[in-house]
């Protein structure tokens, strides 16, 4: 299911941002799931270009753990193969960039 793929893309970037936050500040990262807010908290947001910020915003929509079933159904309708493939590729790119920012 494409929705779950995008949820895992979100989780990948969230965990990388939280790892960078912890590495940088040596404390537990904020309990947030908004990727742009996490990037800002980690001090990385100014380094992101508009395409990367758009990806963070797009992936933040796919944090589905606490969403109602009808919300998941609406999100799933937008998860076409083409959309999912594009976001998955962009996730890989930004993840590699985030890894390069870790010690």
PDB file of N, CA and C in Angstrom:
ATOM      1  N   UNK A   1       0.846  -1.173   0.000  1.00  0.00           N
ATOM      2  CA  UNK A   1       0.000   0.000   0.000  1.00  0.00           C
ATOM      3  C   UNK A   1       0.897   1.243   0.000  1.00  0.00           C
ATOM      4  N   UNK A   2       0.597   2.159  -0.900  1.00  0.00           N
ATOM      5  CA  UNK A   2       1.433   3.353  -1.064  1.00  0.00           C
ATOM      6  C   UNK A   2       1.416   4.255   0.172  1.00  0.00           C
ATOM      7  N   UNK A   3       0.286   4.322   0.853  1.00  0.00           N
ATOM      8  CA  UNK A   3       0.193   5.155   2.050  1.00  0.00           C
ATOM      9  C   UNK A   3       1.229   4.723   3.086  1.00  0.00           C
ATOM     10  N   UNK A   4       1.379   3.442   3.265  1.00  0.00           N
ATOM     11  CA  UNK A   4       2.351   2.963   4.250  1.00  0.00           C
ATOM     12  C   UNK A   4       3.783   3.256   3.812  1.00  0.00           C
ATOM     13  N   UNK A   5       4.040   3.181   2.541  1.00  0.00           N
ATOM     14  CA  UNK A   5       5.366   3.540   2.032  1.00  0.00           C
ATOM     15  C   UNK A   5       5.692   4.986   2.400  1.00  0.00           C
ATOM     16  N   UNK A   6       4.723   5.873   2.199  1.00  0.00           N
ATOM     17  CA  UNK A   6       4.961   7.286   2.501  1.00  0.00           C
ATOM     18  C   UNK A   6       5.055   7.529   4.008  1.00  0.00           C
ATOM     19  N   UNK A   7       4.323   6.746   4.790  1.00  0.00           N
ATOM     20  CA  UNK A   7       4.464   6.827   6.246  1.00  0.00           C
ATOM     21  C   UNK A   7       5.902   6.472   6.638  1.00  0.00           C
ATOM     22  N   UNK A   8       6.450   5.417   6.034  1.00  0.00           N
ATOM     23  CA  UNK A   8       7.823   5.018   6.357  1.00  0.00           C
ATOM     24  C   UNK A   8       8.842   6.035   5.852  1.00  0.00           C
ATOM     25  N   UNK A   9       8.544   6.707   4.750  1.00  0.00           N
ATOM     26  CA  UNK A   9       9.410   7.810   4.302  1.00  0.00           C
ATOM     27  C   UNK A   9       9.429   8.898   5.369  1.00  0.00           C
ATOM     28  N   UNK A  10       8.253   9.236   5.873  1.00  0.00           N
ATOM     29  CA  UNK A  10       8.162  10.233   6.943  1.00  0.00           C
ATOM     30  C   UNK A  10       8.997   9.809   8.142  1.00  0.00           C
ATOM     31  N   UNK A  11       8.822   8.545   8.551  1.00  0.00           N
ATOM     32  CA  UNK A  11       9.538   8.051   9.717  1.00  0.00           C
ATOM     33  C   UNK A  11      11.051   8.087   9.522  1.00  0.00           C
ATOM     34  N   UNK A  12      11.506   7.778   8.328  1.00  0.00           N
ATOM     35  CA  UNK A  12      12.939   7.804   8.022  1.00  0.00           C
ATOM     36  C   UNK A  12      13.518   9.194   8.253  1.00  0.00           C
ATOM     37  N   UNK A  13      12.842  10.201   7.714  1.00  0.00           N
ATOM     38  CA  UNK A  13      13.345  11.566   7.850  1.00  0.00           C
ATOM     39  C   UNK A  13      13.184  12.054   9.283  1.00  0.00           C
ATOM     40  N   UNK A  14      12.068  11.711   9.920  1.00  0.00           N
ATOM     41  CA  UNK A  14      11.867  12.119  11.317  1.00  0.00           C
ATOM     42  C   UNK A  14      12.982  11.581  12.202  1.00  0.00           C
ATOM     43  N   UNK A  15      13.295  10.312  12.065  1.00  0.00           N
ATOM     44  CA  UNK A  15      14.330   9.713  12.919  1.00  0.00           C
ATOM     45  C   UNK A  15      15.706  10.298  12.621  1.00  0.00           C
ATOM     46  N   UNK A  16      15.994  10.579  11.374  1.00  0.00           N
ATOM     47  CA  UNK A  16      17.283  11.189  11.031  1.00  0.00           C
ATOM     48  C   UNK A  16      17.386  12.588  11.634  1.00  0.00           C
ATOM     49  N   UNK A  17      16.318  13.367  11.533  1.00  0.00           N
ATOM     50  CA  UNK A  17      16.329  14.716  12.113  1.00  0.00           C
ATOM     51  C   UNK A  17      16.486  14.658  13.632  1.00  0.00           C
ATOM     52  N   UNK A  18      15.813  13.719  14.247  1.00  0.00           N
ATOM     53  CA  UNK A  18      15.920  13.589  15.700  1.00  0.00           C
ATOM     54  C   UNK A  18      17.317  13.118  16.105  1.00  0.00           C
ATOM     55  N   UNK A  19      17.933  12.277  15.297  1.00  0.00           N
ATOM     56  CA  UNK A  19      19.301  11.842  15.586  1.00  0.00           C
ATOM     57  C   UNK A  19      20.268  13.021  15.502  1.00  0.00           C
ATOM     58  N   UNK A  20      20.092  13.842  14.493  1.00  0.00           N
ATOM     59  CA  UNK A  20      20.948  15.030  14.354  1.00  0.00           C
ATOM     60  C   UNK A  20      20.723  15.981  15.523  1.00  0.00           C
ATOM     61  N   UNK A  21      19.470  16.172  15.902  1.00  0.00           N
ATOM     62  CA  UNK A  21      19.154  17.033  17.048  1.00  0.00           C
ATOM     63  C   UNK A  21      19.868  16.511  18.300  1.00  0.00           C
ATOM     64  N   UNK A  22      19.746  15.219  18.550  1.00  0.00           N
ATOM     65  CA  UNK A  22      20.368  14.632  19.740  1.00  0.00           C
ATOM     66  C   UNK A  22      21.886  14.763  19.692  1.00  0.00           C
ATOM     67  N   UNK A  23      22.441  14.526  18.528  1.00  0.00           N
ATOM     68  CA  UNK A  23      23.893  14.631  18.354  1.00  0.00           C
ATOM     69  C   UNK A  23      24.370  16.071  18.607  1.00  0.00           C
ATOM     70  N   UNK A  24      23.594  17.023  18.124  1.00  0.00           N
ATOM     71  CA  UNK A  24      23.985  18.431  18.216  1.00  0.00           C
ATOM     72  C   UNK A  24      23.819  19.001  19.625  1.00  0.00           C
ATOM     73  N   UNK A  25      22.718  18.656  20.286  1.00  0.00           N
ATOM     74  CA  UNK A  25      22.386  19.270  21.572  1.00  0.00           C
ATOM     75  C   UNK A  25      22.545  18.327  22.758  1.00  0.00           C
ATOM     76  N   UNK A  26      22.810  17.056  22.488  1.00  0.00           N
ATOM     77  CA  UNK A  26      22.968  16.046  23.523  1.00  0.00           C
ATOM     78  C   UNK A  26      21.766  16.013  24.477  1.00  0.00           C
ATOM     79  N   UNK A  27      20.583  16.110  23.907  1.00  0.00           N
ATOM     80  CA  UNK A  27      19.365  15.969  24.706  1.00  0.00           C
ATOM     81  C   UNK A  27      18.263  15.376  23.830  1.00  0.00           C
ATOM     82  N   UNK A  28      17.241  14.914  24.485  1.00  0.00           N
ATOM     83  CA  UNK A  28      16.128  14.282  23.784  1.00  0.00           C
ATOM     84  C   UNK A  28      15.462  15.282  22.846  1.00  0.00           C
ATOM     85  N   UNK A  29      15.239  14.895  21.603  1.00  0.00           N
ATOM     86  CA  UNK A  29      14.604  15.809  20.652  1.00  0.00           C
ATOM     87  C   UNK A  29      13.135  16.063  21.011  1.00  0.00           C
ATOM     88  N   UNK A  30      12.562  17.124  20.475  1.00  0.00           N
ATOM     89  CA  UNK A  30      11.154  17.430  20.753  1.00  0.00           C
ATOM     90  C   UNK A  30      10.250  16.286  20.299  1.00  0.00           C
ATOM     91  N   UNK A  31       9.168  16.106  21.014  1.00  0.00           N
ATOM     92  CA  UNK A  31       8.187  15.068  20.658  1.00  0.00           C
ATOM     93  C   UNK A  31       7.236  15.647  19.619  1.00  0.00           C
ATOM     94  N   UNK A  32       7.760  15.802  18.433  1.00  0.00           N
ATOM     95  CA  UNK A  32       7.006  16.353  17.312  1.00  0.00           C
ATOM     96  C   UNK A  32       7.111  15.396  16.140  1.00  0.00           C
ATOM     97  N   UNK A  33       6.172  15.550  15.229  1.00  0.00           N
ATOM     98  CA  UNK A  33       6.215  14.749  14.007  1.00  0.00           C
ATOM     99  C   UNK A  33       6.234  15.640  12.770  1.00  0.00           C
ATOM    100  N   UNK A  34       6.137  16.946  12.981  1.00  0.00           N
ATOM    101  CA  UNK A  34       6.196  17.916  11.893  1.00  0.00           C
ATOM    102  C   UNK A  34       7.654  18.037  11.469  1.00  0.00           C
ATOM    103  N   UNK A  35       7.949  17.583  10.268  1.00  0.00           N
ATOM    104  CA  UNK A  35       9.346  17.507   9.836  1.00  0.00           C
ATOM    105  C   UNK A  35      10.007  18.867   9.686  1.00  0.00           C
ATOM    106  N   UNK A  36       9.281  19.856   9.220  1.00  0.00           N
ATOM    107  CA  UNK A  36       9.873  21.185   9.090  1.00  0.00           C
ATOM    108  C   UNK A  36      10.201  21.751  10.474  1.00  0.00           C
ATOM    109  N   UNK A  37       9.321  21.543  11.444  1.00  0.00           N
ATOM    110  CA  UNK A  37       9.587  22.003  12.809  1.00  0.00           C
ATOM    111  C   UNK A  37      10.793  21.288  13.399  1.00  0.00           C
ATOM    112  N   UNK A  38      10.928  19.995  13.113  1.00  0.00           N
ATOM    113  CA  UNK A  38      12.089  19.256  13.605  1.00  0.00           C
ATOM    114  C   UNK A  38      13.382  19.737  12.946  1.00  0.00           C
ATOM    115  N   UNK A  39      13.323  20.000  11.649  1.00  0.00           N
ATOM    116  CA  UNK A  39      14.505  20.521  10.951  1.00  0.00           C
ATOM    117  C   UNK A  39      14.908  21.872  11.525  1.00  0.00           C
ATOM    118  N   UNK A  40      13.911  22.689  11.845  1.00  0.00           N
ATOM    119  CA  UNK A  40      14.180  23.996  12.451  1.00  0.00           C
ATOM    120  C   UNK A  40      14.795  23.818  13.841  1.00  0.00           C
ATOM    121  N   UNK A  41      14.229  22.919  14.643  1.00  0.00           N
ATOM    122  CA  UNK A  41      14.754  22.678  15.987  1.00  0.00           C
ATOM    123  C   UNK A  41      16.190  22.170  15.938  1.00  0.00           C
ATOM    124  N   UNK A  42      16.516  21.411  14.914  1.00  0.00           N
ATOM    125  CA  UNK A  42      17.874  20.869  14.761  1.00  0.00           C
ATOM    126  C   UNK A  42      18.830  21.890  14.146  1.00  0.00           C
ATOM    127  N   UNK A  43      18.306  23.069  13.804  1.00  0.00           N
ATOM    128  CA  UNK A  43      19.150  24.110  13.225  1.00  0.00           C
ATOM    129  C   UNK A  43      19.486  23.894  11.765  1.00  0.00           C
ATOM    130  N   UNK A  44      18.737  23.036  11.088  1.00  0.00           N
ATOM    131  CA  UNK A  44      19.038  22.703   9.695  1.00  0.00           C
ATOM    132  C   UNK A  44      18.161  23.425   8.680  1.00  0.00           C
ATOM    133  N   UNK A  45      17.040  23.944   9.113  1.00  0.00           N
ATOM    134  CA  UNK A  45      16.075  24.487   8.165  1.00  0.00           C
ATOM    135  C   UNK A  45      16.665  25.541   7.224  1.00  0.00           C
ATOM    136  N   UNK A  46      17.527  26.446   7.683  1.00  0.00           N
ATOM    137  CA  UNK A  46      18.093  27.431   6.753  1.00  0.00           C
ATOM    138  C   UNK A  46      18.923  26.804   5.624  1.00  0.00           C
ATOM    139  N   UNK A  47      19.368  25.567   5.814  1.00  0.00           N
ATOM    140  CA  UNK A  47      20.171  24.907   4.789  1.00  0.00           C
ATOM    141  C   UNK A  47      19.324  24.192   3.728  1.00  0.00           C
ATOM    142  N   UNK A  48      18.032  24.078   3.972  1.00  0.00           N
ATOM    143  CA  UNK A  48      17.143  23.392   3.038  1.00  0.00           C
ATOM    144  C   UNK A  48      16.697  24.347   1.944  1.00  0.00           C
ATOM    145  N   UNK A  49      16.645  23.847   0.723  1.00  0.00           N
ATOM    146  CA  UNK A  49      16.089  24.655  -0.363  1.00  0.00           C
ATOM    147  C   UNK A  49      14.567  24.467  -0.390  1.00  0.00           C
ATOM    148  N   UNK A  50      13.891  25.174  -1.265  1.00  0.00           N
ATOM    149  CA  UNK A  50      12.425  25.128  -1.310  1.00  0.00           C
ATOM    150  C   UNK A  50      11.915  23.727  -1.639  1.00  0.00           C
ATOM    151  N   UNK A  51      12.578  23.037  -2.525  1.00  0.00           N
ATOM    152  CA  UNK A  51      12.165  21.670  -2.882  1.00  0.00           C
ATOM    153  C   UNK A  51      12.223  20.754  -1.664  1.00  0.00           C
ATOM    154  N   UNK A  52      13.278  20.878  -0.874  1.00  0.00           N
ATOM    155  CA  UNK A  52      13.422  20.059   0.324  1.00  0.00           C
ATOM    156  C   UNK A  52      12.380  20.429   1.376  1.00  0.00           C
ATOM    157  N   UNK A  53      12.128  21.720   1.531  1.00  0.00           N
ATOM    158  CA  UNK A  53      11.086  22.150   2.483  1.00  0.00           C
ATOM    159  C   UNK A  53       9.721  21.644   2.047  1.00  0.00           C
ATOM    160  N   UNK A  54       9.468  21.669   0.744  1.00  0.00           N
ATOM    161  CA  UNK A  54       8.200  21.136   0.239  1.00  0.00           C
ATOM    162  C   UNK A  54       8.078  19.645   0.529  1.00  0.00           C
ATOM    163  N   UNK A  55       9.181  18.924   0.410  1.00  0.00           N
ATOM    164  CA  UNK A  55       9.165  17.497   0.727  1.00  0.00           C
ATOM    165  C   UNK A  55       8.849  17.288   2.203  1.00  0.00           C
ATOM    166  N   UNK A  56       9.474  18.063   3.072  1.00  0.00           N
ATOM    167  CA  UNK A  56       9.191  17.943   4.506  1.00  0.00           C
ATOM    168  C   UNK A  56       7.710  18.164   4.782  1.00  0.00           C
ATOM    169  N   UNK A  57       7.145  19.190   4.159  1.00  0.00           N
ATOM    170  CA  UNK A  57       5.713  19.469   4.334  1.00  0.00           C
ATOM    171  C   UNK A  57       4.861  18.328   3.802  1.00  0.00           C
ATOM    172  N   UNK A  58       5.219  17.833   2.618  1.00  0.00           N
ATOM    173  CA  UNK A  58       4.441  16.751   2.004  1.00  0.00           C
ATOM    174  C   UNK A  58       4.495  15.491   2.861  1.00  0.00           C
ATOM    175  N   UNK A  59       5.682  15.123   3.311  1.00  0.00           N
ATOM    176  CA  UNK A  59       5.807  13.908   4.105  1.00  0.00           C
ATOM    177  C   UNK A  59       5.137  14.031   5.470  1.00  0.00           C
ATOM    178  N   UNK A  60       5.091  15.231   6.016  1.00  0.00           N
ATOM    179  CA  UNK A  60       4.446  15.436   7.318  1.00  0.00           C
ATOM    180  C   UNK A  60       2.966  15.057   7.276  1.00  0.00           C
ATOM    181  N   UNK A  61       2.363  15.147   6.108  1.00  0.00           N
ATOM    182  CA  UNK A  61       0.958  14.742   5.959  1.00  0.00           C
ATOM    183  C   UNK A  61       0.765  13.256   6.189  1.00  0.00           C
ATOM    184  N   UNK A  62       1.834  12.477   6.002  1.00  0.00           N
ATOM    185  CA  UNK A  62       1.715  11.026   6.033  1.00  0.00           C
ATOM    186  C   UNK A  62       2.087  10.409   7.376  1.00  0.00           C
ATOM    187  N   UNK A  63       2.173  11.241   8.404  1.00  0.00           N
ATOM    188  CA  UNK A  63       2.295  10.694   9.752  1.00  0.00           C
ATOM    189  C   UNK A  63       0.892  10.226  10.133  1.00  0.00           C
ATOM    190  N   UNK A  64       0.658   8.924  10.092  1.00  0.00           N
ATOM    191  CA  UNK A  64      -0.707   8.413  10.171  1.00  0.00           C
ATOM    192  C   UNK A  64      -1.046   7.703  11.474  1.00  0.00           C
ATOM    193  N   UNK A  65      -0.110   7.576  12.380  1.00  0.00           N
ATOM    194  CA  UNK A  65      -0.345   6.779  13.574  1.00  0.00           C
ATOM    195  C   UNK A  65      -1.616   7.178  14.323  1.00  0.00           C
ATOM    196  N   UNK A  66      -1.832   8.454  14.490  1.00  0.00           N
ATOM    197  CA  UNK A  66      -2.966   8.895  15.304  1.00  0.00           C
ATOM    198  C   UNK A  66      -4.135   9.422  14.472  1.00  0.00           C
ATOM    199  N   UNK A  67      -4.084   9.238  13.178  1.00  0.00           N
ATOM    200  CA  UNK A  67      -5.170   9.744  12.332  1.00  0.00           C
ATOM    201  C   UNK A  67      -6.379   8.817  12.371  1.00  0.00           C
ATOM    202  N   UNK A  68      -7.537   9.423  12.189  1.00  0.00           N
ATOM    203  CA  UNK A  68      -8.770   8.641  12.103  1.00  0.00           C
ATOM    204  C   UNK A  68      -8.813   7.880  10.786  1.00  0.00           C
ATOM    205  N   UNK A  69      -9.580   6.802  10.766  1.00  0.00           N
ATOM    206  CA  UNK A  69      -9.666   5.951   9.575  1.00  0.00           C
ATOM    207  C   UNK A  69     -10.074   6.745   8.341  1.00  0.00           C
ATOM    208  N   UNK A  70     -11.032   7.654   8.476  1.00  0.00           N
ATOM    209  CA  UNK A  70     -11.474   8.433   7.315  1.00  0.00           C
ATOM    210  C   UNK A  70     -10.368   9.362   6.802  1.00  0.00           C
ATOM    211  N   UNK A  71      -9.515   9.827   7.700  1.00  0.00           N
ATOM    212  CA  UNK A  71      -8.370  10.648   7.273  1.00  0.00           C
ATOM    213  C   UNK A  71      -7.383   9.801   6.475  1.00  0.00           C
ATOM    214  N   UNK A  72      -7.146   8.593   6.946  1.00  0.00           N
ATOM    215  CA  UNK A  72      -6.229   7.687   6.235  1.00  0.00           C
ATOM    216  C   UNK A  72      -6.771   7.356   4.850  1.00  0.00           C
ATOM    217  N   UNK A  73      -8.068   7.154   4.763  1.00  0.00           N
ATOM    218  CA  UNK A  73      -8.674   6.842   3.465  1.00  0.00           C
ATOM    219  C   UNK A  73      -8.505   8.001   2.487  1.00  0.00           C
ATOM    220  N   UNK A  74      -8.688   9.224   2.968  1.00  0.00           N
ATOM    221  CA  UNK A  74      -8.523  10.399   2.105  1.00  0.00           C
ATOM    222  C   UNK A  74      -7.067  10.539   1.665  1.00  0.00           C
ATOM    223  N   UNK A  75      -6.140  10.321   2.579  1.00  0.00           N
ATOM    224  CA  UNK A  75      -4.720  10.385   2.229  1.00  0.00           C
ATOM    225  C   UNK A  75      -4.363   9.296   1.218  1.00  0.00           C
ATOM    226  N   UNK A  76      -4.894   8.117   1.428  1.00  0.00           N
ATOM    227  CA  UNK A  76      -4.569   6.988   0.557  1.00  0.00           C
ATOM    228  C   UNK A  76      -4.990   7.254  -0.884  1.00  0.00           C
ATOM    229  N   UNK A  77      -6.057   7.995  -1.084  1.00  0.00           N
ATOM    230  CA  UNK A  77      -6.522   8.293  -2.442  1.00  0.00           C
ATOM    231  C   UNK A  77      -5.491   9.108  -3.222  1.00  0.00           C
ATOM    232  N   UNK A  78      -4.693   9.892  -2.517  1.00  0.00           N
ATOM    233  CA  UNK A  78      -3.663  10.708  -3.165  1.00  0.00           C
ATOM    234  C   UNK A  78      -2.357   9.948  -3.379  1.00  0.00           C
ATOM    235  N   UNK A  79      -2.255   8.767  -2.834  1.00  0.00           N
ATOM    236  CA  UNK A  79      -1.018   7.983  -2.884  1.00  0.00           C
ATOM    237  C   UNK A  79      -0.988   7.108  -4.127  1.00  0.00           C
ATOM    238  N   UNK A  80      -0.814   7.725  -5.253  1.00  0.00           N
ATOM    239  CA  UNK A  80      -0.690   6.955  -6.494  1.00  0.00           C
ATOM    240  C   UNK A  80       0.726   6.414  -6.613  1.00  0.00           C
ATOM    241  N   UNK A  81       0.906   5.513  -7.536  1.00  0.00           N
ATOM    242  CA  UNK A  81       2.236   4.966  -7.778  1.00  0.00           C
ATOM    243  C   UNK A  81       3.213   6.077  -8.168  1.00  0.00           C
ATOM    244  N   UNK A  82       2.779   6.991  -9.007  1.00  0.00           N
ATOM    245  CA  UNK A  82       3.645   8.075  -9.481  1.00  0.00           C
ATOM    246  C   UNK A  82       4.043   9.002  -8.329  1.00  0.00           C
ATOM    247  N   UNK A  83       3.062   9.404  -7.524  1.00  0.00           N
ATOM    248  CA  UNK A  83       3.336  10.294  -6.383  1.00  0.00           C
ATOM    249  C   UNK A  83       4.258   9.603  -5.394  1.00  0.00           C
ATOM    250  N   UNK A  84       3.952   8.365  -5.082  1.00  0.00           N
ATOM    251  CA  UNK A  84       4.753   7.629  -4.107  1.00  0.00           C
ATOM    252  C   UNK A  84       6.188   7.445  -4.593  1.00  0.00           C
ATOM    253  N   UNK A  85       6.354   7.101  -5.848  1.00  0.00           N
ATOM    254  CA  UNK A  85       7.707   6.918  -6.395  1.00  0.00           C
ATOM    255  C   UNK A  85       8.509   8.217  -6.320  1.00  0.00           C
ATOM    256  N   UNK A  86       7.890   9.328  -6.668  1.00  0.00           N
ATOM    257  CA  UNK A  86       8.586  10.622  -6.637  1.00  0.00           C
ATOM    258  C   UNK A  86       8.989  10.985  -5.205  1.00  0.00           C
ATOM    259  N   UNK A  87       8.073  10.818  -4.256  1.00  0.00           N
ATOM    260  CA  UNK A  87       8.391  11.155  -2.871  1.00  0.00           C
ATOM    261  C   UNK A  87       9.416  10.198  -2.283  1.00  0.00           C
ATOM    262  N   UNK A  88       9.364   8.941  -2.677  1.00  0.00           N
ATOM    263  CA  UNK A  88      10.345   7.971  -2.209  1.00  0.00           C
ATOM    264  C   UNK A  88      11.745   8.331  -2.702  1.00  0.00           C
ATOM    265  N   UNK A  89      11.856   8.716  -3.960  1.00  0.00           N
ATOM    266  CA  UNK A  89      13.159   9.118  -4.507  1.00  0.00           C
ATOM    267  C   UNK A  89      13.687  10.362  -3.801  1.00  0.00           C
ATOM    268  N   UNK A  90      12.814  11.337  -3.572  1.00  0.00           N
ATOM    269  CA  UNK A  90      13.230  12.557  -2.876  1.00  0.00           C
ATOM    270  C   UNK A  90      13.615  12.257  -1.435  1.00  0.00           C
ATOM    271  N   UNK A  91      12.907  11.322  -0.813  1.00  0.00           N
ATOM    272  CA  UNK A  91      13.250  10.928   0.557  1.00  0.00           C
ATOM    273  C   UNK A  91      14.657  10.357   0.599  1.00  0.00           C
ATOM    274  N   UNK A  92      14.993   9.519  -0.366  1.00  0.00           N
ATOM    275  CA  UNK A  92      16.337   8.953  -0.432  1.00  0.00           C
ATOM    276  C   UNK A  92      17.401  10.029  -0.559  1.00  0.00           C
ATOM    277  N   UNK A  93      17.128  11.035  -1.376  1.00  0.00           N
ATOM    278  CA  UNK A  93      18.087  12.123  -1.573  1.00  0.00           C
ATOM    279  C   UNK A  93      18.301  12.907  -0.282  1.00  0.00           C
ATOM    280  N   UNK A  94      17.202  13.278   0.370  1.00  0.00           N
ATOM    281  CA  UNK A  94      17.330  14.096   1.578  1.00  0.00           C
ATOM    282  C   UNK A  94      17.912  13.263   2.724  1.00  0.00           C
ATOM    283  N   UNK A  95      17.599  11.971   2.756  1.00  0.00           N
ATOM    284  CA  UNK A  95      18.169  11.113   3.790  1.00  0.00           C
ATOM    285  C   UNK A  95      19.686  11.035   3.646  1.00  0.00           C
ATOM    286  N   UNK A  96      20.169  10.891   2.434  1.00  0.00           N
ATOM    287  CA  UNK A  96      21.621  10.864   2.211  1.00  0.00           C
ATOM    288  C   UNK A  96      22.252  12.180   2.643  1.00  0.00           C
ATOM    289  N   UNK A  97      21.587  13.294   2.367  1.00  0.00           N
ATOM    290  CA  UNK A  97      22.104  14.600   2.782  1.00  0.00           C
ATOM    291  C   UNK A  97      22.129  14.684   4.302  1.00  0.00           C
ATOM    292  N   UNK A  98      21.060  14.218   4.951  1.00  0.00           N
ATOM    293  CA  UNK A  98      21.020  14.237   6.417  1.00  0.00           C
ATOM    294  C   UNK A  98      22.127  13.358   7.006  1.00  0.00           C
ATOM    295  N   UNK A  99      22.346  12.179   6.423  1.00  0.00           N
ATOM    296  CA  UNK A  99      23.429  11.313   6.905  1.00  0.00           C
ATOM    297  C   UNK A  99      24.775  12.012   6.818  1.00  0.00           C
ATOM    298  N   UNK A 100      24.960  12.808   5.776  1.00  0.00           N
ATOM    299  CA  UNK A 100      26.244  13.508   5.630  1.00  0.00           C
ATOM    300  C   UNK A 100      26.412  14.590   6.686  1.00  0.00           C
ATOM    301  N   UNK A 101      25.336  14.960   7.363  1.00  0.00           N
ATOM    302  CA  UNK A 101      25.401  15.964   8.433  1.00  0.00           C
ATOM    303  C   UNK A 101      25.570  15.338   9.811  1.00  0.00           C
ATOM    304  N   UNK A 102      25.655  14.025   9.858  1.00  0.00           N
ATOM    305  CA  UNK A 102      25.870  13.329  11.140  1.00  0.00           C
ATOM    306  C   UNK A 102      27.344  13.036  11.313  1.00  0.00           C
ATOM    307  N   UNK A 103      27.760  12.937  12.547  1.00  0.00           N
ATOM    308  CA  UNK A 103      29.166  12.635  12.850  1.00  0.00           C
ATOM    309  C   UNK A 103      29.502  11.232  12.444  1.00  0.00           C
TER     310      UNK A 103
END
